[in-house]
Amino acid sequence: MSVTVEMAHHVTDELVAGLNHLLPQLSSSAPPLTTDQVAKLIDSSAAALFVAREDQRIVGTLTLVVFAIPSGVRAWIEDVVVDGAARGRGVGEALMRAAIDEAKGRGVRSIDLTSRPSRAAANALYLKLGFEARETNVYRFFIENEM
């Protein structure tokens, strides 16, 4: 089976269904995506949604977010997920390489991502591709907590 990766430019029922099939494998708390939410993501100039396919079936996705800050153009890779049935076949690597190429084309200075230590295969892939573990803390603030 051959893996192809494309950047999503149009919302289709197939895209929304594919994302909603993968979403529970990424987050147990994320609600299903609506067509409007997917359209907003695709229409964002800061985000690029990549979709991996095997035999025309969506088997993985990744979001690249690019932004300018005073120290340069930076990027984050978020929400990388490969369908459990397609893991170990190069889908994640194909998604990552497509995102890295897009970031280079956008003049990005560096790309960051986070990954849980328990995701051993994903962490090994990131290191293989040249990502370096950083000595840093990652914090999250939930807007709904502020009242």
N, C-alpha and C. Protein backbone atom coordinates (compact mmCIF):
# COMPACT_ATOMS: atom_id res chain seq x y z
N MET A 1 0.84 -1.19 0.00
CA MET A 1 0.00 0.00 0.00
C MET A 1 0.88 1.24 0.00
N SER A 2 0.47 2.22 -0.74
CA SER A 2 1.22 3.46 -0.86
C SER A 2 0.54 4.57 -0.05
N VAL A 3 1.36 5.34 0.65
CA VAL A 3 0.84 6.45 1.45
C VAL A 3 1.01 7.73 0.65
N THR A 4 -0.05 8.51 0.55
CA THR A 4 0.01 9.83 -0.05
C THR A 4 -0.41 10.85 1.00
N VAL A 5 0.18 12.03 0.92
CA VAL A 5 -0.16 13.10 1.86
C VAL A 5 -0.53 14.33 1.05
N GLU A 6 -1.59 14.98 1.44
CA GLU A 6 -2.03 16.21 0.78
C GLU A 6 -2.46 17.21 1.83
N MET A 7 -2.39 18.48 1.46
CA MET A 7 -2.92 19.52 2.32
C MET A 7 -4.40 19.68 1.96
N ALA A 8 -5.24 19.72 2.97
CA ALA A 8 -6.68 19.88 2.72
C ALA A 8 -6.98 21.33 2.35
N HIS A 9 -7.67 21.52 1.24
CA HIS A 9 -8.04 22.86 0.78
C HIS A 9 -9.54 23.06 0.72
N HIS A 10 -10.29 21.96 0.76
CA HIS A 10 -11.75 22.03 0.66
C HIS A 10 -12.37 21.07 1.66
N VAL A 11 -13.47 21.49 2.23
CA VAL A 11 -14.21 20.64 3.15
C VAL A 11 -15.10 19.70 2.34
N THR A 12 -15.01 18.44 2.65
CA THR A 12 -15.90 17.45 2.04
C THR A 12 -16.47 16.59 3.16
N ASP A 13 -17.55 15.91 2.87
CA ASP A 13 -18.13 14.99 3.86
C ASP A 13 -17.12 13.91 4.21
N GLU A 14 -16.34 13.46 3.22
CA GLU A 14 -15.35 12.41 3.43
C GLU A 14 -14.25 12.90 4.38
N LEU A 15 -13.84 14.17 4.24
CA LEU A 15 -12.82 14.73 5.11
C LEU A 15 -13.33 14.83 6.55
N VAL A 16 -14.51 15.35 6.72
CA VAL A 16 -15.09 15.48 8.07
C VAL A 16 -15.24 14.10 8.71
N ALA A 17 -15.74 13.14 7.96
CA ALA A 17 -15.89 11.77 8.49
C ALA A 17 -14.54 11.16 8.84
N GLY A 18 -13.54 11.37 7.99
CA GLY A 18 -12.21 10.83 8.27
C GLY A 18 -11.60 11.44 9.51
N LEU A 19 -11.73 12.75 9.67
CA LEU A 19 -11.21 13.41 10.87
C LEU A 19 -11.94 12.91 12.11
N ASN A 20 -13.24 12.75 12.00
CA ASN A 20 -14.01 12.29 13.15
C ASN A 20 -13.74 10.82 13.48
N HIS A 21 -13.30 10.04 12.50
CA HIS A 21 -12.87 8.67 12.79
C HIS A 21 -11.56 8.67 13.57
N LEU A 22 -10.65 9.60 13.24
CA LEU A 22 -9.34 9.66 13.88
C LEU A 22 -9.36 10.38 15.23
N LEU A 23 -10.25 11.33 15.40
CA LEU A 23 -10.26 12.19 16.58
C LEU A 23 -10.28 11.43 17.90
N PRO A 24 -11.09 10.39 18.07
CA PRO A 24 -11.08 9.66 19.35
C PRO A 24 -9.75 8.96 19.64
N GLN A 25 -8.96 8.69 18.59
CA GLN A 25 -7.64 8.08 18.78
C GLN A 25 -6.62 9.12 19.23
N LEU A 26 -6.98 10.38 19.09
CA LEU A 26 -6.13 11.49 19.50
C LEU A 26 -6.51 12.00 20.89
N SER A 27 -7.82 12.14 21.12
CA SER A 27 -8.31 12.72 22.36
C SER A 27 -9.64 12.08 22.74
N SER A 28 -9.71 11.60 23.95
CA SER A 28 -10.96 10.99 24.42
C SER A 28 -12.00 12.04 24.80
N SER A 29 -11.57 13.29 24.95
CA SER A 29 -12.50 14.33 25.39
C SER A 29 -12.94 15.28 24.28
N ALA A 30 -12.33 15.20 23.11
CA ALA A 30 -12.70 16.12 22.02
C ALA A 30 -14.02 15.70 21.40
N PRO A 31 -14.96 16.66 21.28
CA PRO A 31 -16.24 16.33 20.63
C PRO A 31 -16.04 16.20 19.12
N PRO A 32 -16.95 15.53 18.43
CA PRO A 32 -16.84 15.41 16.97
C PRO A 32 -16.81 16.79 16.31
N LEU A 33 -16.07 16.85 15.21
CA LEU A 33 -15.96 18.10 14.46
C LEU A 33 -17.17 18.29 13.56
N THR A 34 -17.57 19.54 13.41
CA THR A 34 -18.64 19.88 12.46
C THR A 34 -18.00 20.32 11.15
N THR A 35 -18.80 20.38 10.12
CA THR A 35 -18.32 20.88 8.83
C THR A 35 -17.82 22.30 8.97
N ASP A 36 -18.52 23.13 9.74
CA ASP A 36 -18.10 24.53 9.93
C ASP A 36 -16.75 24.62 10.64
N GLN A 37 -16.51 23.76 11.63
CA GLN A 37 -15.23 23.78 12.33
C GLN A 37 -14.08 23.38 11.40
N VAL A 38 -14.30 22.39 10.58
CA VAL A 38 -13.27 21.96 9.63
C VAL A 38 -13.03 23.07 8.60
N ALA A 39 -14.09 23.73 8.16
CA ALA A 39 -13.94 24.83 7.21
C ALA A 39 -13.12 25.97 7.83
N LYS A 40 -13.37 26.28 9.07
CA LYS A 40 -12.62 27.34 9.75
C LYS A 40 -11.14 27.00 9.83
N LEU A 41 -10.84 25.74 10.12
CA LEU A 41 -9.46 25.29 10.18
C LEU A 41 -8.79 25.41 8.81
N ILE A 42 -9.45 24.93 7.79
CA ILE A 42 -8.88 24.97 6.44
C ILE A 42 -8.73 26.40 5.94
N ASP A 43 -9.65 27.26 6.31
CA ASP A 43 -9.61 28.66 5.85
C ASP A 43 -8.59 29.51 6.61
N SER A 44 -8.06 29.01 7.71
CA SER A 44 -7.10 29.76 8.50
C SER A 44 -5.78 29.91 7.75
N SER A 45 -5.27 31.12 7.67
CA SER A 45 -3.98 31.32 7.02
C SER A 45 -2.83 30.84 7.90
N ALA A 46 -3.08 30.64 9.18
CA ALA A 46 -2.03 30.19 10.10
C ALA A 46 -1.92 28.67 10.16
N ALA A 47 -2.94 27.96 9.77
CA ALA A 47 -2.95 26.50 9.92
C ALA A 47 -2.97 25.80 8.58
N ALA A 48 -2.27 24.68 8.53
CA ALA A 48 -2.31 23.80 7.36
C ALA A 48 -2.67 22.41 7.85
N LEU A 49 -3.75 21.88 7.34
CA LEU A 49 -4.23 20.55 7.72
C LEU A 49 -3.75 19.55 6.68
N PHE A 50 -2.93 18.59 7.12
CA PHE A 50 -2.43 17.55 6.23
C PHE A 50 -3.20 16.27 6.47
N VAL A 51 -3.49 15.56 5.38
CA VAL A 51 -4.24 14.32 5.43
C VAL A 51 -3.43 13.24 4.72
N ALA A 52 -3.27 12.11 5.39
CA ALA A 52 -2.58 10.97 4.78
C ALA A 52 -3.62 9.95 4.36
N ARG A 53 -3.38 9.35 3.20
CA ARG A 53 -4.30 8.33 2.67
C ARG A 53 -3.53 7.07 2.28
N GLU A 54 -4.18 5.96 2.48
CA GLU A 54 -3.76 4.67 1.93
C GLU A 54 -4.95 4.15 1.16
N ASP A 55 -4.75 3.80 -0.08
CA ASP A 55 -5.86 3.31 -0.92
C ASP A 55 -7.07 4.24 -0.84
N GLN A 56 -6.81 5.53 -0.93
CA GLN A 56 -7.85 6.57 -0.92
C GLN A 56 -8.57 6.73 0.41
N ARG A 57 -8.20 5.97 1.43
CA ARG A 57 -8.84 6.07 2.75
C ARG A 57 -7.99 6.94 3.66
N ILE A 58 -8.62 7.88 4.38
CA ILE A 58 -7.89 8.74 5.31
C ILE A 58 -7.42 7.90 6.48
N VAL A 59 -6.08 7.89 6.69
CA VAL A 59 -5.50 7.08 7.76
C VAL A 59 -4.66 7.90 8.73
N GLY A 60 -4.54 9.21 8.47
CA GLY A 60 -3.75 10.04 9.38
C GLY A 60 -3.95 11.51 9.09
N THR A 61 -3.62 12.31 10.09
CA THR A 61 -3.72 13.76 9.93
C THR A 61 -2.72 14.45 10.85
N LEU A 62 -2.42 15.68 10.50
CA LEU A 62 -1.48 16.52 11.25
C LEU A 62 -1.84 17.96 10.95
N THR A 63 -1.68 18.83 11.93
CA THR A 63 -1.91 20.25 11.72
C THR A 63 -0.62 21.00 11.97
N LEU A 64 -0.23 21.82 11.01
CA LEU A 64 0.94 22.69 11.12
C LEU A 64 0.42 24.11 11.33
N VAL A 65 0.87 24.75 12.39
CA VAL A 65 0.47 26.13 12.68
C VAL A 65 1.71 27.01 12.56
N VAL A 66 1.64 28.02 11.71
CA VAL A 66 2.77 28.91 11.45
C VAL A 66 2.39 30.30 11.91
N PHE A 67 3.33 30.96 12.63
CA PHE A 67 3.04 32.29 13.16
C PHE A 67 4.31 33.11 13.25
N ALA A 68 4.16 34.41 13.08
CA ALA A 68 5.29 35.33 13.19
C ALA A 68 5.32 35.93 14.59
N ILE A 69 6.51 35.96 15.17
CA ILE A 69 6.74 36.59 16.46
C ILE A 69 8.01 37.42 16.33
N PRO A 70 8.33 38.27 17.30
CA PRO A 70 9.51 39.13 17.16
C PRO A 70 10.81 38.39 16.87
N SER A 71 10.93 37.15 17.35
CA SER A 71 12.18 36.41 17.13
C SER A 71 12.21 35.62 15.83
N GLY A 72 11.16 35.72 15.02
CA GLY A 72 11.15 35.05 13.73
C GLY A 72 9.85 34.32 13.46
N VAL A 73 9.78 33.66 12.33
CA VAL A 73 8.61 32.87 11.97
C VAL A 73 8.79 31.49 12.57
N ARG A 74 7.84 31.07 13.35
CA ARG A 74 7.91 29.79 14.05
C ARG A 74 6.71 28.92 13.64
N ALA A 75 6.79 27.66 14.04
CA ALA A 75 5.69 26.74 13.75
C ALA A 75 5.55 25.72 14.88
N TRP A 76 4.34 25.24 15.01
CA TRP A 76 4.03 24.13 15.91
C TRP A 76 3.36 23.05 15.08
N ILE A 77 3.69 21.83 15.37
CA ILE A 77 2.96 20.70 14.81
C ILE A 77 2.05 20.20 15.92
N GLU A 78 0.78 20.07 15.60
CA GLU A 78 -0.24 19.68 16.57
C GLU A 78 -1.11 18.55 16.03
N ASP A 79 -1.73 17.85 16.94
CA ASP A 79 -2.75 16.86 16.62
C ASP A 79 -2.33 15.86 15.54
N VAL A 80 -1.16 15.27 15.75
CA VAL A 80 -0.70 14.21 14.86
C VAL A 80 -1.39 12.93 15.28
N VAL A 81 -2.06 12.28 14.35
CA VAL A 81 -2.72 11.01 14.66
C VAL A 81 -2.71 10.12 13.42
N VAL A 82 -2.35 8.86 13.66
CA VAL A 82 -2.40 7.83 12.61
C VAL A 82 -3.34 6.74 13.10
N ASP A 83 -4.23 6.32 12.23
CA ASP A 83 -5.18 5.28 12.58
C ASP A 83 -4.44 4.05 13.10
N GLY A 84 -4.94 3.46 14.17
CA GLY A 84 -4.30 2.31 14.78
C GLY A 84 -4.03 1.19 13.79
N ALA A 85 -4.92 1.00 12.83
CA ALA A 85 -4.76 -0.07 11.84
C ALA A 85 -3.68 0.24 10.81
N ALA A 86 -3.21 1.49 10.75
CA ALA A 86 -2.22 1.88 9.74
C ALA A 86 -0.86 2.19 10.33
N ARG A 87 -0.71 2.02 11.62
CA ARG A 87 0.57 2.36 12.27
C ARG A 87 1.67 1.40 11.85
N GLY A 88 2.89 1.95 11.82
CA GLY A 88 4.04 1.15 11.45
C GLY A 88 4.28 1.02 9.96
N ARG A 89 3.53 1.80 9.17
CA ARG A 89 3.66 1.71 7.71
C ARG A 89 4.14 3.01 7.07
N GLY A 90 4.71 3.91 7.88
CA GLY A 90 5.28 5.13 7.33
C GLY A 90 4.32 6.30 7.20
N VAL A 91 3.12 6.17 7.72
CA VAL A 91 2.13 7.25 7.61
C VAL A 91 2.58 8.47 8.40
N GLY A 92 2.99 8.26 9.64
CA GLY A 92 3.43 9.38 10.47
C GLY A 92 4.63 10.09 9.87
N GLU A 93 5.58 9.34 9.35
CA GLU A 93 6.76 9.95 8.73
C GLU A 93 6.38 10.75 7.50
N ALA A 94 5.49 10.23 6.69
CA ALA A 94 5.05 10.96 5.49
C ALA A 94 4.36 12.27 5.88
N LEU A 95 3.52 12.24 6.91
CA LEU A 95 2.86 13.46 7.39
C LEU A 95 3.89 14.47 7.88
N MET A 96 4.84 14.00 8.69
CA MET A 96 5.86 14.89 9.25
C MET A 96 6.71 15.52 8.15
N ARG A 97 7.13 14.74 7.19
CA ARG A 97 7.96 15.28 6.11
C ARG A 97 7.20 16.32 5.28
N ALA A 98 5.92 16.09 5.05
CA ALA A 98 5.11 17.07 4.32
C ALA A 98 5.01 18.37 5.12
N ALA A 99 4.82 18.27 6.42
CA ALA A 99 4.72 19.46 7.27
C ALA A 99 6.05 20.21 7.31
N ILE A 100 7.14 19.49 7.43
CA ILE A 100 8.46 20.12 7.45
C ILE A 100 8.72 20.85 6.13
N ASP A 101 8.39 20.23 5.02
CA ASP A 101 8.57 20.88 3.71
C ASP A 101 7.73 22.15 3.60
N GLU A 102 6.49 22.09 4.07
CA GLU A 102 5.62 23.27 4.03
C GLU A 102 6.19 24.38 4.91
N ALA A 103 6.66 24.02 6.09
CA ALA A 103 7.24 25.01 7.00
C ALA A 103 8.46 25.67 6.37
N LYS A 104 9.31 24.89 5.73
CA LYS A 104 10.48 25.46 5.04
C LYS A 104 10.03 26.45 3.98
N GLY A 105 9.01 26.09 3.23
CA GLY A 105 8.48 26.96 2.19
C GLY A 105 7.89 28.26 2.71
N ARG A 106 7.47 28.24 3.97
CA ARG A 106 6.90 29.44 4.59
C ARG A 106 7.95 30.25 5.37
N GLY A 107 9.22 29.86 5.26
CA GLY A 107 10.28 30.61 5.92
C GLY A 107 10.37 30.42 7.42
N VAL A 108 9.90 29.29 7.89
CA VAL A 108 9.90 29.03 9.33
C VAL A 108 11.32 28.82 9.83
N ARG A 109 11.60 29.37 10.99
CA ARG A 109 12.91 29.26 11.63
C ARG A 109 13.04 27.98 12.46
N SER A 110 11.98 27.59 13.13
CA SER A 110 12.00 26.37 13.93
C SER A 110 10.58 25.83 14.05
N ILE A 111 10.50 24.52 14.30
CA ILE A 111 9.22 23.84 14.49
C ILE A 111 9.26 23.17 15.86
N ASP A 112 8.23 23.38 16.64
CA ASP A 112 8.10 22.73 17.94
C ASP A 112 6.92 21.77 17.91
N LEU A 113 6.97 20.80 18.79
CA LEU A 113 5.84 19.91 19.02
C LEU A 113 5.99 19.32 20.41
N THR A 114 4.93 18.77 20.92
CA THR A 114 4.99 18.06 22.19
C THR A 114 4.51 16.63 21.94
N SER A 115 4.98 15.73 22.77
CA SER A 115 4.57 14.34 22.66
C SER A 115 4.70 13.68 24.03
N ARG A 116 3.71 12.92 24.40
CA ARG A 116 3.76 12.21 25.68
C ARG A 116 4.89 11.18 25.64
N PRO A 117 5.59 11.02 26.76
CA PRO A 117 6.67 10.02 26.83
C PRO A 117 6.17 8.60 26.50
N SER A 118 4.90 8.32 26.78
CA SER A 118 4.37 6.98 26.53
C SER A 118 4.25 6.66 25.04
N ARG A 119 4.32 7.66 24.20
CA ARG A 119 4.21 7.45 22.75
C ARG A 119 5.61 7.16 22.18
N ALA A 120 6.14 6.01 22.53
CA ALA A 120 7.52 5.66 22.21
C ALA A 120 7.80 5.70 20.71
N ALA A 121 6.93 5.12 19.89
CA ALA A 121 7.17 5.10 18.45
C ALA A 121 7.16 6.51 17.87
N ALA A 122 6.24 7.34 18.32
CA ALA A 122 6.18 8.72 17.82
C ALA A 122 7.43 9.49 18.23
N ASN A 123 7.85 9.33 19.48
CA ASN A 123 9.05 10.01 19.95
C ASN A 123 10.28 9.56 19.18
N ALA A 124 10.39 8.29 18.89
CA ALA A 124 11.51 7.77 18.10
C ALA A 124 11.50 8.38 16.70
N LEU A 125 10.32 8.52 16.11
CA LEU A 125 10.21 9.13 14.78
C LEU A 125 10.67 10.58 14.81
N TYR A 126 10.24 11.34 15.80
CA TYR A 126 10.62 12.75 15.88
C TYR A 126 12.14 12.89 15.99
N LEU A 127 12.76 12.06 16.79
CA LEU A 127 14.22 12.09 16.91
C LEU A 127 14.89 11.69 15.59
N LYS A 128 14.36 10.68 14.94
CA LYS A 128 14.89 10.22 13.64
C LYS A 128 14.85 11.35 12.61
N LEU A 129 13.80 12.17 12.66
CA LEU A 129 13.64 13.26 11.70
C LEU A 129 14.49 14.48 12.05
N GLY A 130 15.15 14.47 13.20
CA GLY A 130 16.02 15.58 13.57
C GLY A 130 15.49 16.51 14.63
N PHE A 131 14.33 16.21 15.19
CA PHE A 131 13.82 17.01 16.30
C PHE A 131 14.67 16.71 17.52
N GLU A 132 14.86 17.70 18.36
CA GLU A 132 15.65 17.54 19.58
C GLU A 132 14.76 17.81 20.79
N ALA A 133 14.91 16.96 21.80
CA ALA A 133 14.18 17.18 23.05
C ALA A 133 14.71 18.46 23.69
N ARG A 134 13.81 19.27 24.21
CA ARG A 134 14.20 20.55 24.83
C ARG A 134 14.03 20.47 26.33
N GLU A 135 14.88 21.20 27.02
CA GLU A 135 14.75 21.34 28.47
C GLU A 135 13.79 22.49 28.73
N THR A 136 12.54 22.18 28.85
CA THR A 136 11.54 23.23 29.03
C THR A 136 10.33 22.66 29.76
N ASN A 137 9.51 23.53 30.26
CA ASN A 137 8.23 23.14 30.82
C ASN A 137 7.15 23.59 29.84
N VAL A 138 6.13 22.80 29.72
CA VAL A 138 4.99 23.17 28.91
C VAL A 138 3.82 23.40 29.87
N TYR A 139 3.19 24.54 29.75
CA TYR A 139 2.07 24.89 30.61
C TYR A 139 0.81 25.04 29.77
N ARG A 140 -0.32 24.80 30.37
CA ARG A 140 -1.59 24.98 29.68
C ARG A 140 -2.52 25.75 30.60
N PHE A 141 -3.19 26.74 30.05
CA PHE A 141 -4.16 27.53 30.78
C PHE A 141 -5.51 27.32 30.11
N PHE A 142 -6.50 26.92 30.88
CA PHE A 142 -7.83 26.71 30.35
C PHE A 142 -8.65 27.98 30.51
N ILE A 143 -9.06 28.56 29.43
CA ILE A 143 -9.83 29.82 29.43
C ILE A 143 -11.10 29.68 30.26
N GLU A 144 -11.77 28.55 30.19
CA GLU A 144 -13.02 28.38 30.94
C GLU A 144 -12.80 28.43 32.44
N ASN A 145 -11.55 28.30 32.91
CA ASN A 145 -11.26 28.39 34.35
C ASN A 145 -11.22 29.82 34.84
N GLU A 146 -11.07 30.75 33.95
CA GLU A 146 -10.95 32.15 34.36
C GLU A 146 -12.34 32.80 34.34
N MET A 147 -12.74 33.27 35.46
CA MET A 147 -14.04 33.93 35.54
C MET A 147 -13.94 35.09 36.49
